[in-house]
Protein backbone atom coordinates (compact mmCIF):
# COMPACT_ATOMS: atom_id res chain seq x y z
CA MET A 1 -1.76 25.69 -10.43
CA PRO A 2 -5.36 24.63 -11.24
CA ASP A 3 -8.08 25.88 -8.90
CA SER A 4 -9.23 22.29 -8.41
CA TRP A 5 -6.03 21.35 -6.57
CA PRO A 6 -6.30 21.19 -2.77
CA LYS A 7 -5.03 24.47 -1.28
CA ARG A 8 -1.62 24.13 0.31
CA GLU A 9 -2.53 26.00 3.49
CA SER A 10 -0.32 24.14 5.93
CA THR A 11 2.57 21.73 5.97
CA THR A 12 1.99 20.69 9.56
CA SER A 13 -1.65 19.65 9.87
CA PHE A 14 -4.88 19.07 8.00
CA GLN A 15 -8.35 19.73 9.36
CA ALA A 16 -10.39 16.64 8.53
CA VAL A 17 -14.12 16.88 7.92
CA SER A 18 -16.23 15.30 10.64
CA ALA A 19 -18.26 13.24 8.15
CA ILE A 20 -17.71 12.45 4.50
CA ASP A 21 -20.02 14.14 2.00
CA ILE A 22 -20.48 11.08 -0.19
CA ASP A 23 -22.41 12.90 -2.90
CA ALA A 24 -19.68 15.51 -3.22
CA VAL A 25 -16.92 12.90 -3.26
CA ARG A 26 -18.69 10.86 -5.94
CA ALA A 27 -19.31 14.00 -8.01
CA GLU A 28 -15.56 14.59 -7.89
CA THR A 29 -14.86 10.99 -8.98
CA PRO A 30 -15.49 10.59 -12.74
CA GLY A 31 -15.47 6.80 -12.60
CA ALA A 32 -18.25 6.67 -10.00
CA ALA A 33 -20.78 7.49 -12.72
CA GLU A 34 -19.37 4.85 -15.06
CA VAL A 35 -18.78 1.66 -13.03
CA VAL A 36 -19.42 0.00 -9.69
CA HIS A 37 -15.82 -0.07 -8.60
CA LEU A 38 -15.15 -2.74 -5.98
CA ASN A 39 -11.52 -3.31 -6.95
CA ASN A 40 -9.93 -0.66 -4.75
CA ALA A 41 -7.37 -3.16 -3.44
CA GLY A 42 -6.15 -3.28 -7.04
CA ALA A 43 -6.38 0.36 -8.06
CA ALA A 44 -8.93 2.86 -6.75
CA LEU A 45 -10.73 5.48 -8.82
CA PRO A 46 -8.79 8.76 -8.69
CA PRO A 47 -10.60 12.01 -7.83
CA ASN A 48 -10.59 14.99 -10.16
CA PRO A 49 -7.89 16.95 -8.27
CA VAL A 50 -5.43 14.09 -8.81
CA LEU A 51 -6.40 13.68 -12.45
CA MET A 52 -6.17 17.41 -13.17
CA ALA A 53 -2.84 17.76 -11.36
CA GLU A 54 -1.29 15.10 -13.61
CA ILE A 55 -2.82 16.47 -16.80
CA ASP A 56 -1.76 20.00 -15.96
CA TYR A 57 1.83 18.91 -15.34
CA LEU A 58 1.98 16.87 -18.56
CA GLU A 59 0.58 19.78 -20.56
CA ALA A 60 3.20 22.08 -19.01
CA GLU A 61 5.94 19.62 -20.04
CA ALA A 62 4.61 19.62 -23.59
CA ARG A 63 4.64 23.42 -23.71
CA MET A 64 7.83 24.21 -21.77
CA GLY A 65 10.04 21.11 -21.74
CA GLY A 66 10.51 18.46 -19.08
CA TYR A 67 13.61 19.81 -17.33
CA GLU A 68 12.28 23.35 -17.33
CA VAL A 69 8.94 22.39 -15.75
CA ALA A 70 10.69 20.33 -13.09
CA ALA A 71 12.81 23.33 -12.15
CA SER A 72 9.89 25.75 -12.07
CA ARG A 73 7.56 23.44 -10.13
CA ALA A 74 9.89 22.14 -7.46
CA GLU A 75 7.37 23.07 -4.77
CA ASP A 76 4.64 20.99 -6.43
CA LEU A 77 7.02 18.03 -6.78
CA ASN A 78 7.97 18.26 -3.11
CA ARG A 79 4.35 18.13 -1.95
CA VAL A 80 4.58 14.36 -1.86
CA TYR A 81 7.23 14.46 0.88
CA ASP A 82 5.40 16.97 3.08
CA ALA A 83 2.06 15.22 2.67
CA GLY A 84 3.61 11.78 3.07
CA ALA A 85 5.28 12.89 6.29
CA LEU A 86 1.92 14.00 7.66
CA LEU A 87 0.35 10.74 6.56
CA LEU A 88 2.94 8.54 8.31
CA GLY A 89 4.08 10.78 11.15
CA CYS A 90 7.68 11.00 9.96
CA LYS A 91 10.06 13.60 8.53
CA PRO A 92 9.92 14.49 4.82
CA SER A 93 13.61 13.60 4.57
CA GLU A 94 12.77 10.01 5.57
CA LEU A 95 10.71 9.41 2.44
CA ALA A 96 11.78 8.37 -1.05
CA PHE A 97 9.48 8.47 -4.07
CA THR A 98 9.51 5.20 -6.01
CA GLN A 99 7.77 3.75 -9.05
CA SER A 100 5.95 1.08 -7.03
CA ALA A 101 5.64 -0.48 -3.61
CA SER A 102 7.37 -3.60 -4.95
CA LEU A 103 10.38 -1.56 -6.06
CA ALA A 104 10.39 0.17 -2.67
CA TRP A 105 10.24 -3.17 -0.85
CA HIS A 106 13.05 -4.71 -2.89
CA THR A 107 15.14 -1.58 -2.42
CA ALA A 108 14.62 -1.82 1.33
CA LEU A 109 15.55 -5.49 1.32
CA SER A 110 18.67 -4.86 -0.74
CA VAL A 111 20.15 -2.31 1.67
CA VAL A 112 19.73 -4.39 4.85
CA PRO A 113 23.14 -5.91 5.69
CA LEU A 114 22.55 -9.68 5.52
CA LYS A 115 24.96 -12.57 5.17
CA ALA A 116 24.76 -16.35 5.03
CA GLY A 117 23.57 -17.72 8.37
CA ASP A 118 21.53 -14.64 9.30
CA ARG A 119 17.85 -15.21 9.96
CA VAL A 120 14.91 -13.31 8.44
CA LEU A 121 11.35 -13.74 9.68
CA ALA A 122 8.37 -13.05 7.41
CA THR A 123 4.59 -13.35 7.54
CA THR A 124 2.59 -15.82 5.45
CA ALA A 125 0.74 -12.76 4.10
CA GLU A 126 3.69 -11.56 2.01
CA TYR A 127 2.91 -10.40 -1.51
CA VAL A 128 4.29 -12.54 -4.33
CA ALA A 129 6.92 -9.92 -5.27
CA ASN A 130 8.12 -9.93 -1.65
CA VAL A 131 8.34 -13.71 -1.67
CA TYR A 132 10.59 -13.60 -4.73
CA GLY A 133 12.96 -11.37 -2.79
CA LEU A 134 12.91 -13.76 0.16
CA ILE A 135 13.69 -16.67 -2.16
CA GLN A 136 16.68 -14.75 -3.46
CA LEU A 137 17.88 -14.33 0.13
CA GLN A 138 17.56 -18.09 0.68
CA ARG A 139 19.70 -18.72 -2.38
CA ARG A 140 22.38 -16.54 -0.80
CA GLY A 141 22.37 -18.66 2.36
CA VAL A 142 20.17 -16.41 4.50
CA GLU A 143 17.72 -18.43 6.60
CA VAL A 144 14.16 -17.24 5.87
CA GLU A 145 11.46 -18.50 8.22
CA LEU A 146 7.72 -17.91 8.08
CA ILE A 147 5.96 -16.74 11.22
CA PRO A 148 3.17 -19.21 12.08
CA ASP A 149 -0.39 -17.90 12.05
CA ASP A 150 -2.60 -17.74 15.11
CA PRO A 151 -6.08 -19.38 15.15
CA ASP A 152 -7.53 -16.31 13.40
CA GLY A 153 -5.04 -16.60 10.56
CA ARG A 154 -3.00 -13.56 11.65
CA ALA A 155 0.73 -13.63 12.24
CA SER A 156 1.20 -14.99 15.75
CA VAL A 157 2.70 -12.45 18.13
CA GLU A 158 3.59 -15.27 20.52
CA ALA A 159 5.44 -17.07 17.75
CA VAL A 160 7.44 -13.95 16.93
CA ALA A 161 8.46 -13.61 20.57
CA SER A 162 9.70 -17.19 20.61
CA MET A 163 11.56 -16.91 17.28
CA LEU A 164 13.53 -13.72 17.93
CA ASP A 165 17.19 -14.19 18.81
CA GLU A 166 20.53 -12.55 18.06
CA ARG A 167 20.69 -14.13 14.58
CA VAL A 168 17.44 -12.51 13.45
CA LYS A 169 18.50 -9.43 11.49
CA LEU A 170 15.22 -8.56 9.77
CA VAL A 171 11.51 -9.10 10.34
CA CYS A 172 9.12 -8.52 7.41
CA ALA A 173 5.42 -8.06 8.07
CA THR A 174 2.63 -7.37 5.60
CA HIS A 175 -0.11 -5.38 7.32
CA ILE A 176 -3.02 -6.50 5.12
CA PRO A 177 -2.55 -9.25 2.51
CA THR A 178 -3.58 -8.70 -1.08
CA GLY A 179 -5.75 -11.81 -1.06
CA GLY A 180 -7.81 -11.40 2.11
CA GLY A 181 -9.27 -8.97 4.59
CA LEU A 182 -7.37 -9.85 7.75
CA VAL A 183 -5.28 -7.22 9.53
CA ASN A 184 -1.97 -8.44 10.92
CA PRO A 185 -0.84 -7.22 14.38
CA VAL A 186 2.04 -5.20 12.99
CA THR A 187 2.16 -2.84 15.97
CA GLU A 188 2.51 -5.67 18.47
CA ILE A 189 5.17 -7.32 16.32
CA GLY A 190 7.01 -4.03 16.03
CA ARG A 191 7.21 -3.64 19.79
CA LEU A 192 8.86 -7.04 20.09
CA VAL A 193 11.34 -6.39 17.28
CA ASP A 194 12.16 -2.98 18.73
CA GLU A 195 13.61 -4.68 21.80
CA THR A 196 16.16 -6.52 19.66
CA GLY A 197 18.86 -5.48 17.21
CA ALA A 198 16.80 -6.54 14.20
CA LEU A 199 15.32 -4.23 11.60
CA TYR A 200 11.57 -4.17 10.95
CA LEU A 201 10.12 -3.80 7.43
CA VAL A 202 6.36 -3.24 7.10
CA ASP A 203 4.45 -3.61 3.83
CA ALA A 204 1.56 -1.16 4.19
CA THR A 205 0.50 -1.39 0.56
CA GLN A 206 -3.09 -2.38 1.35
CA SER A 207 -3.50 -0.45 4.60
CA VAL A 208 -2.22 3.07 3.89
CA GLY A 209 -5.19 5.16 2.78
CA GLN A 210 -7.87 3.06 4.42
CA MET A 211 -6.85 3.54 8.06
CA PRO A 212 -4.60 5.82 10.12
CA LEU A 213 -0.96 4.72 10.44
CA ALA A 214 2.08 6.17 12.20
CA VAL A 215 5.58 4.78 11.85
CA ASP A 216 6.42 5.52 15.49
CA GLU A 217 3.45 3.48 16.68
CA LEU A 218 4.44 0.65 14.36
CA ALA A 219 8.03 0.91 15.63
CA CYS A 220 9.16 0.12 12.10
CA ASP A 221 12.49 0.97 10.52
CA LEU A 222 11.31 0.63 6.93
CA LEU A 223 7.85 0.86 5.37
CA VAL A 224 6.52 0.75 1.82
CA LEU A 225 3.27 1.96 0.29
CA THR A 226 1.71 2.40 -3.12
CA GLY A 227 -0.23 5.32 -4.53
CA ARG A 228 -2.75 3.50 -6.70
CA LYS A 229 -4.79 1.66 -4.08
CA PHE A 230 -6.52 3.28 -1.11
CA LEU A 231 -4.72 6.60 -1.51
CA ARG A 232 -6.50 6.96 -4.89
CA GLY A 233 -3.28 8.16 -6.49
CA PRO A 234 -1.67 7.46 -9.86
CA ARG A 235 -0.35 4.10 -10.92
CA GLY A 236 3.42 3.80 -11.01
CA THR A 237 3.89 5.58 -7.69
CA GLY A 238 5.00 4.54 -4.22
CA LEU A 239 6.90 5.70 -1.17
CA LEU A 240 9.69 4.16 0.84
CA TYR A 241 10.08 5.23 4.47
CA VAL A 242 13.58 4.82 5.92
CA ARG A 243 14.07 5.78 9.56
CA SER A 244 16.88 8.26 10.06
CA GLY A 245 20.14 6.97 11.42
CA LEU A 246 19.99 3.39 10.16
CA ASP A 247 23.27 1.72 9.21
CA LEU A 248 22.37 0.41 5.75
CA LEU A 249 24.17 -0.59 2.58
CA ASP A 250 24.46 1.76 -0.37
CA PRO A 251 21.52 1.71 -2.81
CA PRO A 252 21.74 -0.97 -5.54
CA VAL A 253 21.08 1.61 -8.27
CA MET A 254 22.45 5.15 -8.14
CA ASP A 255 22.62 8.19 -10.38
CA GLY A 256 22.95 11.93 -10.03
CA ARG A 257 19.96 12.16 -7.69
CA SER A 258 21.13 9.34 -5.42
CA ALA A 259 24.66 10.63 -4.95
CA ALA A 260 27.20 13.29 -5.91
CA TRP A 261 30.38 12.51 -7.81
CA VAL A 262 33.12 13.90 -5.54
CA GLY A 263 36.28 12.43 -7.04
CA ASP A 264 37.60 10.33 -9.86
CA TRP A 265 36.58 7.15 -8.06
CA ASP A 266 34.39 8.39 -5.24
CA TYR A 267 30.83 9.45 -4.58
CA GLU A 268 28.90 10.90 -1.66
CA LEU A 269 25.36 9.69 -1.01
CA SER A 270 22.53 12.19 -1.03
CA ALA A 271 21.11 13.13 2.35
CA GLY A 272 18.17 11.23 3.79
CA ALA A 273 15.97 8.84 1.85
CA GLN A 274 16.55 10.73 -1.40
CA ARG A 275 19.54 8.44 -1.92
CA TYR A 276 17.03 5.68 -2.78
CA GLU A 277 15.56 7.68 -5.67
CA THR A 278 16.71 8.00 -9.25
CA PHE A 279 16.66 11.08 -11.44
CA GLU A 280 14.40 9.74 -14.18
CA THR A 281 10.85 9.15 -13.01
CA ASN A 282 7.27 10.09 -13.86
CA LEU A 283 7.13 13.57 -12.39
CA ALA A 284 3.48 14.12 -13.32
CA ALA A 285 2.58 11.03 -11.32
CA LYS A 286 4.77 12.26 -8.45
CA VAL A 287 2.79 15.49 -8.32
CA GLY A 288 -0.42 13.48 -8.51
CA LEU A 289 0.57 11.31 -5.55
CA GLY A 290 1.21 14.38 -3.43
CA VAL A 291 -2.25 15.72 -4.29
CA ALA A 292 -3.82 12.31 -3.58
CA ILE A 293 -2.28 12.13 -0.12
CA GLU A 294 -3.42 15.66 0.68
CA TYR A 295 -6.91 14.75 -0.55
CA ALA A 296 -7.05 11.78 1.85
CA LEU A 297 -5.73 13.89 4.72
CA ARG A 298 -8.40 16.53 4.15
CA ILE A 299 -11.15 13.95 4.27
CA GLY A 300 -9.52 12.40 7.33
CA LEU A 301 -8.20 8.88 7.81
CA ASP A 302 -10.47 8.31 10.82
CA SER A 303 -13.53 9.21 8.74
CA ILE A 304 -12.30 7.06 5.87
CA ALA A 305 -11.68 4.08 8.16
CA LYS A 306 -15.14 4.37 9.72
CA ARG A 307 -16.86 4.53 6.34
CA ILE A 308 -14.88 1.59 4.97
CA ASP A 309 -15.64 -0.52 8.05
CA GLU A 310 -19.35 0.15 7.64
CA LEU A 311 -19.40 -0.70 3.94
CA ALA A 312 -17.25 -3.82 4.36
CA GLU A 313 -19.56 -5.07 7.11
CA ILE A 314 -22.58 -4.52 4.85
CA LEU A 315 -20.84 -6.40 2.05
CA ARG A 316 -19.92 -9.35 4.27
CA ALA A 317 -23.44 -9.54 5.73
CA ARG A 318 -25.19 -9.44 2.35
CA LEU A 319 -22.84 -11.99 0.81
CA SER A 320 -23.33 -14.29 3.81
CA ALA A 321 -27.08 -14.20 3.28
CA GLN A 322 -26.82 -15.62 -0.25
CA PRO A 323 -27.43 -19.39 -0.54
CA LEU A 324 -24.55 -20.31 -2.85
CA VAL A 325 -22.01 -17.70 -1.74
CA LYS A 326 -19.27 -18.73 0.68
CA LEU A 327 -17.16 -16.13 2.44
CA ALA A 328 -13.48 -17.03 2.58
CA GLU A 329 -12.32 -14.62 5.27
CA LEU A 330 -10.39 -15.63 8.36
CA GLY A 331 -10.98 -14.26 11.86
CA GLY A 332 -9.96 -11.22 13.86
CA GLU A 333 -9.96 -7.61 12.70
CA GLN A 334 -11.07 -7.16 9.09
CA SER A 335 -10.40 -4.55 6.43
CA ALA A 336 -11.90 -3.26 3.17
CA ILE A 337 -11.12 -6.53 1.38
CA VAL A 338 -13.79 -9.25 1.28
CA THR A 339 -13.15 -12.57 -0.48
CA PHE A 340 -15.69 -15.21 -1.46
CA TYR A 341 -16.62 -17.85 -4.01
CA VAL A 342 -19.86 -19.14 -5.51
CA ASP A 343 -20.54 -22.85 -5.27
CA GLY A 344 -20.51 -24.57 -8.63
CA ARG A 345 -19.05 -21.61 -10.56
CA SER A 346 -15.47 -20.75 -11.43
CA THR A 347 -14.14 -17.53 -9.98
CA ASP A 348 -12.97 -16.39 -13.40
CA ALA A 349 -16.48 -16.84 -14.78
CA VAL A 350 -18.03 -14.96 -11.87
CA ALA A 351 -15.58 -12.08 -12.21
CA ALA A 352 -16.20 -11.89 -15.97
CA ALA A 353 -19.97 -11.87 -15.45
CA LEU A 354 -19.68 -9.08 -12.90
CA ARG A 355 -17.48 -7.08 -15.25
CA ALA A 356 -20.09 -7.46 -17.99
CA TRP A 357 -22.54 -5.73 -15.64
CA GLY A 358 -20.06 -2.91 -15.01
CA ILE A 359 -18.99 -4.21 -11.61
CA ASN A 360 -15.24 -4.32 -11.01
CA THR A 361 -13.77 -6.98 -8.73
CA SER A 362 -10.60 -9.09 -8.87
CA VAL A 363 -9.61 -12.74 -8.69
CA VAL A 364 -7.28 -14.19 -6.04
CA GLN A 365 -5.33 -17.05 -7.59
CA PRO A 366 -4.46 -20.18 -5.57
CA GLN A 367 -1.36 -19.71 -3.44
CA PRO A 368 1.33 -22.21 -2.42
CA PRO A 369 0.58 -24.10 0.83
CA ALA A 370 3.30 -22.38 2.89
CA PHE A 371 1.62 -19.02 2.27
CA ASP A 372 -1.93 -20.36 2.52
CA PRO A 373 -1.88 -22.75 5.52
CA THR A 374 -5.68 -23.12 5.63
CA GLY A 375 -6.04 -23.75 1.88
CA ARG A 376 -8.64 -21.01 1.57
CA THR A 377 -7.44 -19.94 -1.90
CA ARG A 378 -7.11 -23.44 -3.38
CA HIS A 379 -10.00 -22.93 -5.84
CA GLY A 380 -9.45 -19.20 -6.38
CA LEU A 381 -11.53 -16.41 -4.86
CA ILE A 382 -13.41 -13.29 -5.86
CA ARG A 383 -11.97 -10.23 -4.15
CA ALA A 384 -14.32 -7.29 -3.63
CA SER A 385 -12.78 -4.26 -1.94
CA VAL A 386 -14.77 -1.21 -0.91
CA HIS A 387 -13.72 2.40 -0.50
CA TYR A 388 -15.39 5.38 1.12
CA TYR A 389 -16.89 6.60 -2.17
CA ASN A 390 -18.79 3.32 -2.63
CA THR A 391 -22.42 3.01 -1.54
CA ALA A 392 -24.70 0.35 -0.08
CA GLU A 393 -26.67 0.50 -3.34
CA GLU A 394 -23.57 -0.55 -5.26
CA ILE A 395 -23.21 -3.53 -2.94
CA ASP A 396 -26.81 -4.44 -3.78
CA ASP A 397 -25.86 -4.25 -7.46
CA LEU A 398 -23.06 -6.75 -6.83
CA ILE A 399 -25.42 -9.17 -5.06
CA ALA A 400 -28.02 -8.91 -7.83
CA ALA A 401 -25.42 -9.52 -10.54
CA LEU A 402 -24.28 -12.78 -8.90
CA TYR A 403 -27.50 -14.55 -9.97
């Protein structure tokens, strides 16, 4: 195990630093010296421990063989479950490693028992891949209804309370949308759903890693996350949380890791959430995700959230002060994501110009009216998303490059 990996001193708690040593963090982030990275809502810059963990595992596979390394490094591969359990406040057995949050979300959707005439509620903030799954449900006769937004653009808790009845079998809520900085009231929604017989699926893709979360506080039954965004983990990684004891359908795809062959025409599902995994996966990335989660836990989610809030507020304030820049954020609690446009310039042109100056952002494409009730994305938006390793000076670089 490389010396640069975080020490595995405890599987029950992590002692977070009281304040983040930004210079040390940036020194441990190779990309920080190369670019101004404000596309963390797309994929954050990984720190050296994550990078080295993946490289070390791949080199071991090249020297020893894939199956042999997997057998000899079972403890390293299982770090992701222990660390993920600490991150979310659940049991390691309630977590499945997946190749993406989208795959995790579709897996969760596929195992919820739904039939024609059942109702499913969803937020307008759902990611496009989630929407495709909801459309598939509609085509099967399931009634999918969008939760109206409140005046701040967040999913209305009052609307959820009025919509819940015995036919509602599932409520889907995206915590933070990919195309804006608002934070949906997922905890309040969860408390309402918890009083019914419905299941509650939370998409925490954009929130895990930038703020503390606990599945018990959310009162969720299912939750998905990705490794590449605010956890600073590898691409092609995600986790699916499945609360113990749920009465769900068998996984849509199974192999020797998902189940055991116990008779000519019979199988027995693996225990816990492991039944939602498959044997063949990127094990180097799996190790890397475990290291990334431990890295975030050592820094401390409270410290990370505070730093992100400060930087995002600086970014919003400095963009607001520019004569041609228009913020496109809605109201209420805000996150690391800040969206805007520049009068008289296409968003694609602005993003390309920023990239030419070594400043990474992203473009939010126009969304259909049902999922963009205010029309804020109709002309496209620039999405800048900060992380704790960013600096106020980098925000100044962004402002300067706009003109």
